[in-house]
Amino acid sequence: MGDHVLEVGPGPGLTTDWLGGRVIALTCLELDSELARSLAQRTAARGIRVHCGNGTHMPYRDCSFSALVLFTVLHHVPSAALQNRLFAEAHRVLRPGGNFVGVDSMPSLWMTLFHISDTLVPVDPTHLPDRLQSVGFQEIKIGLGRGRFRFSAQRPKGLGRSDDEGSSRHGSSTS
């Protein structure tokens, strides 16, 4: 998966616990300040970095990570436009050749009921390849499963866009 992985939206950290033992370095970006604080305290001894922040405006330099992962996060992003912004940010913070992978739930009655008092903006996996390609990803793969889908995409290995040249729009790295 690479030498420095970013997990966006770890929540309480169930997937963080699994990832932490499988990657060289792990950074987490969590929107909820209480969840971020709790996860940071719980994982500090293992060297996992946890920051509070928004995946649509990541506080990291361009080309900071070898991989970025999202586990059941996309449907919590409050609009398709913000989901697209998250995709663009993922592309920006990934190194050339970096992998963007994730899984999310398919729309269903159960999902609707479960999210009555929560954000639910399902992602149509049939349109996801076009959305990822529009921000610069390539080698996009979608897998459909029972009630969920998984995806993978890669930031191109070569240069080709102005943000691929290492300029940083977000100041110093906090990773």
C-alpha atoms as a PDB file:
ATOM      1  CA  MET A   1       0.000   0.000   0.000  1.00  0.00           C
ATOM      2  CA  GLY A   2       2.992   2.272   0.362  1.00  0.00           C
ATOM      3  CA  ASP A   3       5.041   3.977   3.008  1.00  0.00           C
ATOM      4  CA  HIS A   4       2.589   6.639   4.208  1.00  0.00           C
ATOM      5  CA  VAL A   5      -1.167   6.051   4.160  1.00  0.00           C
ATOM      6  CA  LEU A   6      -3.899   8.601   4.871  1.00  0.00           C
ATOM      7  CA  GLU A   7      -7.217   7.357   6.228  1.00  0.00           C
ATOM      8  CA  VAL A   8      -9.982   9.930   5.822  1.00  0.00           C
ATOM      9  CA  GLY A   9     -12.979   9.628   8.143  1.00  0.00           C
ATOM     10  CA  PRO A  10     -11.802   6.932  10.545  1.00  0.00           C
ATOM     11  CA  GLY A  11     -14.584   7.678  13.057  1.00  0.00           C
ATOM     12  CA  PRO A  12     -13.907   5.649  16.204  1.00  0.00           C
ATOM     13  CA  GLY A  13     -10.974   3.916  14.510  1.00  0.00           C
ATOM     14  CA  LEU A  14     -12.069   0.341  13.865  1.00  0.00           C
ATOM     15  CA  THR A  15     -10.368   0.314  10.467  1.00  0.00           C
ATOM     16  CA  THR A  16      -7.486   2.365  11.883  1.00  0.00           C
ATOM     17  CA  ASP A  17      -6.710  -0.479  14.277  1.00  0.00           C
ATOM     18  CA  TRP A  18      -6.628  -2.918  11.377  1.00  0.00           C
ATOM     19  CA  LEU A  19      -4.550  -0.616   9.134  1.00  0.00           C
ATOM     20  CA  GLY A  20      -2.095   0.389  11.860  1.00  0.00           C
ATOM     21  CA  GLY A  21      -0.432  -3.010  11.895  1.00  0.00           C
ATOM     22  CA  ARG A  22      -0.247  -3.294   8.108  1.00  0.00           C
ATOM     23  CA  VAL A  23       1.341  -0.036   6.949  1.00  0.00           C
ATOM     24  CA  ILE A  24       4.637   1.712   7.667  1.00  0.00           C
ATOM     25  CA  ALA A  25       3.095   5.083   8.610  1.00  0.00           C
ATOM     26  CA  LEU A  26      -0.546   6.019   9.088  1.00  0.00           C
ATOM     27  CA  THR A  27      -2.162   9.438   9.325  1.00  0.00           C
ATOM     28  CA  CYS A  28      -5.884   9.888   9.984  1.00  0.00           C
ATOM     29  CA  LEU A  29      -8.065  12.891   9.185  1.00  0.00           C
ATOM     30  CA  GLU A  30     -11.334  12.965  11.145  1.00  0.00           C
ATOM     31  CA  LEU A  31     -13.969  15.712  10.954  1.00  0.00           C
ATOM     32  CA  ASP A  32     -15.484  15.130  14.414  1.00  0.00           C
ATOM     33  CA  SER A  33     -13.211  16.729  17.026  1.00  0.00           C
ATOM     34  CA  GLU A  34     -14.228  14.365  19.840  1.00  0.00           C
ATOM     35  CA  LEU A  35     -13.647  11.270  17.715  1.00  0.00           C
ATOM     36  CA  ALA A  36     -10.314  12.688  16.521  1.00  0.00           C
ATOM     37  CA  ARG A  37      -9.206  13.443  20.084  1.00  0.00           C
ATOM     38  CA  SER A  38     -10.215  10.023  21.358  1.00  0.00           C
ATOM     39  CA  LEU A  39      -8.558   8.215  18.444  1.00  0.00           C
ATOM     40  CA  ALA A  40      -5.366  10.284  18.805  1.00  0.00           C
ATOM     41  CA  GLN A  41      -5.109   9.401  22.498  1.00  0.00           C
ATOM     42  CA  ARG A  42      -5.802   5.719  21.896  1.00  0.00           C
ATOM     43  CA  THR A  43      -3.306   5.314  19.034  1.00  0.00           C
ATOM     44  CA  ALA A  44      -0.511   7.727  20.044  1.00  0.00           C
ATOM     45  CA  ALA A  45       1.715   4.981  21.443  1.00  0.00           C
ATOM     46  CA  ARG A  46       1.652   3.223  18.064  1.00  0.00           C
ATOM     47  CA  GLY A  47       2.818   6.335  16.199  1.00  0.00           C
ATOM     48  CA  ILE A  48      -0.438   6.888  14.328  1.00  0.00           C
ATOM     49  CA  ARG A  49      -1.002  10.578  13.621  1.00  0.00           C
ATOM     50  CA  VAL A  50      -4.575  11.827  13.959  1.00  0.00           C
ATOM     51  CA  HIS A  51      -5.690  15.285  12.859  1.00  0.00           C
ATOM     52  CA  CYS A  52      -9.070  16.957  13.065  1.00  0.00           C
ATOM     53  CA  GLY A  53     -10.058  18.339   9.691  1.00  0.00           C
ATOM     54  CA  ASN A  54     -12.243  18.151   6.625  1.00  0.00           C
ATOM     55  CA  GLY A  55     -11.533  15.822   3.712  1.00  0.00           C
ATOM     56  CA  THR A  56     -12.758  18.449   1.270  1.00  0.00           C
ATOM     57  CA  HIS A  57      -9.985  20.852   2.416  1.00  0.00           C
ATOM     58  CA  MET A  58      -7.123  18.643   3.563  1.00  0.00           C
ATOM     59  CA  PRO A  59      -4.347  20.366   5.532  1.00  0.00           C
ATOM     60  CA  TYR A  60      -1.562  18.472   3.784  1.00  0.00           C
ATOM     61  CA  ARG A  61       0.958  19.379   1.117  1.00  0.00           C
ATOM     62  CA  ASP A  62       0.602  18.149  -2.419  1.00  0.00           C
ATOM     63  CA  CYS A  63       2.032  14.650  -3.008  1.00  0.00           C
ATOM     64  CA  SER A  64       2.251  13.771   0.712  1.00  0.00           C
ATOM     65  CA  PHE A  65       0.870  10.223   0.755  1.00  0.00           C
ATOM     66  CA  SER A  66       1.436   6.957  -1.067  1.00  0.00           C
ATOM     67  CA  ALA A  67      -2.177   5.833  -0.532  1.00  0.00           C
ATOM     68  CA  LEU A  68      -5.472   7.247   0.679  1.00  0.00           C
ATOM     69  CA  VAL A  69      -8.286   5.089   2.027  1.00  0.00           C
ATOM     70  CA  LEU A  70     -11.979   5.722   2.754  1.00  0.00           C
ATOM     71  CA  PHE A  71     -14.122   3.150   4.519  1.00  0.00           C
ATOM     72  CA  THR A  72     -17.883   3.875   4.473  1.00  0.00           C
ATOM     73  CA  VAL A  73     -17.268   7.630   4.382  1.00  0.00           C
ATOM     74  CA  LEU A  74     -18.559   8.872   1.027  1.00  0.00           C
ATOM     75  CA  HIS A  75     -22.269   8.679   1.842  1.00  0.00           C
ATOM     76  CA  HIS A  76     -21.641  10.953   4.858  1.00  0.00           C
ATOM     77  CA  VAL A  77     -20.335  13.771   2.622  1.00  0.00           C
ATOM     78  CA  PRO A  78     -23.330  16.142   2.331  1.00  0.00           C
ATOM     79  CA  SER A  79     -23.442  16.673  -1.458  1.00  0.00           C
ATOM     80  CA  ALA A  80     -22.143  15.267  -4.721  1.00  0.00           C
ATOM     81  CA  ALA A  81     -20.212  18.518  -5.237  1.00  0.00           C
ATOM     82  CA  LEU A  82     -18.415  18.052  -1.903  1.00  0.00           C
ATOM     83  CA  GLN A  83     -17.778  14.393  -2.710  1.00  0.00           C
ATOM     84  CA  ASN A  84     -16.126  15.586  -5.938  1.00  0.00           C
ATOM     85  CA  ARG A  85     -14.097  18.091  -3.910  1.00  0.00           C
ATOM     86  CA  LEU A  86     -12.937  15.210  -1.670  1.00  0.00           C
ATOM     87  CA  PHE A  87     -11.887  13.271  -4.796  1.00  0.00           C
ATOM     88  CA  ALA A  88      -9.909  16.287  -6.030  1.00  0.00           C
ATOM     89  CA  GLU A  89      -8.229  16.671  -2.638  1.00  0.00           C
ATOM     90  CA  ALA A  90      -7.382  12.958  -2.599  1.00  0.00           C
ATOM     91  CA  HIS A  91      -5.735  13.355  -5.990  1.00  0.00           C
ATOM     92  CA  ARG A  92      -3.816  16.425  -4.823  1.00  0.00           C
ATOM     93  CA  VAL A  93      -2.356  14.888  -1.650  1.00  0.00           C
ATOM     94  CA  LEU A  94      -1.399  11.593  -3.304  1.00  0.00           C
ATOM     95  CA  ARG A  95       2.054  11.135  -4.746  1.00  0.00           C
ATOM     96  CA  PRO A  96       2.288  10.272  -8.448  1.00  0.00           C
ATOM     97  CA  GLY A  97       1.463   6.570  -8.670  1.00  0.00           C
ATOM     98  CA  GLY A  98      -0.415   6.722  -5.352  1.00  0.00           C
ATOM     99  CA  ASN A  99      -3.523   4.635  -4.799  1.00  0.00           C
ATOM    100  CA  PHE A 100      -6.978   5.824  -3.749  1.00  0.00           C
ATOM    101  CA  VAL A 101      -9.115   2.976  -2.414  1.00  0.00           C
ATOM    102  CA  GLY A 102     -12.353   2.676  -0.548  1.00  0.00           C
ATOM    103  CA  VAL A 103     -15.618   0.974   0.111  1.00  0.00           C
ATOM    104  CA  ASP A 104     -19.086   2.379   0.652  1.00  0.00           C
ATOM    105  CA  SER A 105     -22.664   1.249   1.017  1.00  0.00           C
ATOM    106  CA  MET A 106     -25.173   0.946  -1.794  1.00  0.00           C
ATOM    107  CA  PRO A 107     -28.504   2.742  -1.458  1.00  0.00           C
ATOM    108  CA  SER A 108     -31.144   0.658   0.296  1.00  0.00           C
ATOM    109  CA  LEU A 109     -34.162   0.987   2.562  1.00  0.00           C
ATOM    110  CA  TRP A 110     -32.006  -0.166   5.484  1.00  0.00           C
ATOM    111  CA  MET A 111     -29.428   2.562   4.750  1.00  0.00           C
ATOM    112  CA  THR A 112     -32.184   5.187   4.558  1.00  0.00           C
ATOM    113  CA  LEU A 113     -33.670   4.098   7.883  1.00  0.00           C
ATOM    114  CA  PHE A 114     -30.263   3.851   9.550  1.00  0.00           C
ATOM    115  CA  HIS A 115     -29.423   7.423   8.501  1.00  0.00           C
ATOM    116  CA  ILE A 116     -32.725   9.121   9.402  1.00  0.00           C
ATOM    117  CA  SER A 117     -30.940  11.607  11.678  1.00  0.00           C
ATOM    118  CA  ASP A 118     -27.643  11.541   9.781  1.00  0.00           C
ATOM    119  CA  THR A 119     -26.271  12.601   6.407  1.00  0.00           C
ATOM    120  CA  LEU A 120     -26.958  10.165   3.582  1.00  0.00           C
ATOM    121  CA  VAL A 121     -25.840  11.060   0.049  1.00  0.00           C
ATOM    122  CA  PRO A 122     -25.325   7.706  -1.664  1.00  0.00           C
ATOM    123  CA  VAL A 123     -22.752   7.373  -4.434  1.00  0.00           C
ATOM    124  CA  ASP A 124     -23.854   5.648  -7.606  1.00  0.00           C
ATOM    125  CA  PRO A 125     -20.932   3.320  -8.393  1.00  0.00           C
ATOM    126  CA  THR A 126     -21.816   3.340 -12.104  1.00  0.00           C
ATOM    127  CA  HIS A 127     -20.983   7.067 -12.266  1.00  0.00           C
ATOM    128  CA  LEU A 128     -17.989   6.927  -9.930  1.00  0.00           C
ATOM    129  CA  PRO A 129     -15.383   6.148 -12.637  1.00  0.00           C
ATOM    130  CA  ASP A 130     -16.305   9.306 -14.578  1.00  0.00           C
ATOM    131  CA  ARG A 131     -16.214  11.382 -11.384  1.00  0.00           C
ATOM    132  CA  LEU A 132     -12.775  10.057 -10.423  1.00  0.00           C
ATOM    133  CA  GLN A 133     -11.427  10.434 -13.947  1.00  0.00           C
ATOM    134  CA  SER A 134     -12.628  14.054 -14.070  1.00  0.00           C
ATOM    135  CA  VAL A 135     -10.197  14.989 -11.262  1.00  0.00           C
ATOM    136  CA  GLY A 136      -7.286  13.109 -12.818  1.00  0.00           C
ATOM    137  CA  PHE A 137      -7.413   9.522 -11.561  1.00  0.00           C
ATOM    138  CA  GLN A 138      -6.738   6.589 -13.863  1.00  0.00           C
ATOM    139  CA  GLU A 139      -6.815   2.780 -13.662  1.00  0.00           C
ATOM    140  CA  ILE A 140     -10.196   3.004 -11.945  1.00  0.00           C
ATOM    141  CA  LYS A 141     -11.790  -0.244 -10.819  1.00  0.00           C
ATOM    142  CA  ILE A 142     -15.211  -0.740  -9.238  1.00  0.00           C
ATOM    143  CA  GLY A 143     -16.354  -3.942  -7.563  1.00  0.00           C
ATOM    144  CA  LEU A 144     -19.961  -4.503  -6.608  1.00  0.00           C
ATOM    145  CA  GLY A 145     -20.850  -6.615  -3.606  1.00  0.00           C
ATOM    146  CA  ARG A 146     -23.917  -7.337  -1.568  1.00  0.00           C
ATOM    147  CA  GLY A 147     -25.059  -3.959  -0.284  1.00  0.00           C
ATOM    148  CA  ARG A 148     -21.730  -2.265  -0.955  1.00  0.00           C
ATOM    149  CA  PHE A 149     -19.163  -1.364  -3.568  1.00  0.00           C
ATOM    150  CA  ARG A 150     -15.412  -0.989  -3.503  1.00  0.00           C
ATOM    151  CA  PHE A 151     -13.226   1.140  -5.695  1.00  0.00           C
ATOM    152  CA  SER A 152      -9.600   1.757  -6.504  1.00  0.00           C
ATOM    153  CA  ALA A 153      -7.943   4.420  -8.609  1.00  0.00           C
ATOM    154  CA  GLN A 154      -4.423   5.635  -9.177  1.00  0.00           C
ATOM    155  CA  ARG A 155      -2.923   9.073  -9.509  1.00  0.00           C
ATOM    156  CA  PRO A 156      -0.923   9.007 -12.763  1.00  0.00           C
ATOM    157  CA  LYS A 157       2.773   8.284 -12.320  1.00  0.00           C
ATOM    158  CA  GLY A 158       3.910  11.039 -14.668  1.00  0.00           C
ATOM    159  CA  LEU A 159       3.509  14.775 -14.484  1.00  0.00           C
ATOM    160  CA  GLY A 160       0.727  16.364 -16.417  1.00  0.00           C
ATOM    161  CA  ARG A 161      -1.152  18.880 -14.280  1.00  0.00           C
ATOM    162  CA  SER A 162       0.124  21.964 -12.521  1.00  0.00           C
ATOM    163  CA  ASP A 163      -0.529  20.466  -9.097  1.00  0.00           C
ATOM    164  CA  ASP A 164       1.638  17.472 -10.030  1.00  0.00           C
ATOM    165  CA  GLU A 165       4.691  19.710  -9.991  1.00  0.00           C
ATOM    166  CA  GLY A 166       4.918  19.858  -6.204  1.00  0.00           C
ATOM    167  CA  SER A 167       3.491  23.292  -5.534  1.00  0.00           C
ATOM    168  CA  SER A 168       1.589  23.514  -2.290  1.00  0.00           C
ATOM    169  CA  ARG A 169      -1.577  25.491  -1.943  1.00  0.00           C
ATOM    170  CA  HIS A 170      -1.964  24.519   1.688  1.00  0.00           C
ATOM    171  CA  GLY A 171       1.208  25.676   3.411  1.00  0.00           C
ATOM    172  CA  SER A 172       3.432  23.468   5.500  1.00  0.00           C
ATOM    173  CA  SER A 173       2.789  19.801   5.987  1.00  0.00           C
ATOM    174  CA  THR A 174       1.268  18.535   9.179  1.00  0.00           C
ATOM    175  CA  SER A 175       1.873  14.933   8.284  1.00  0.00           C
END
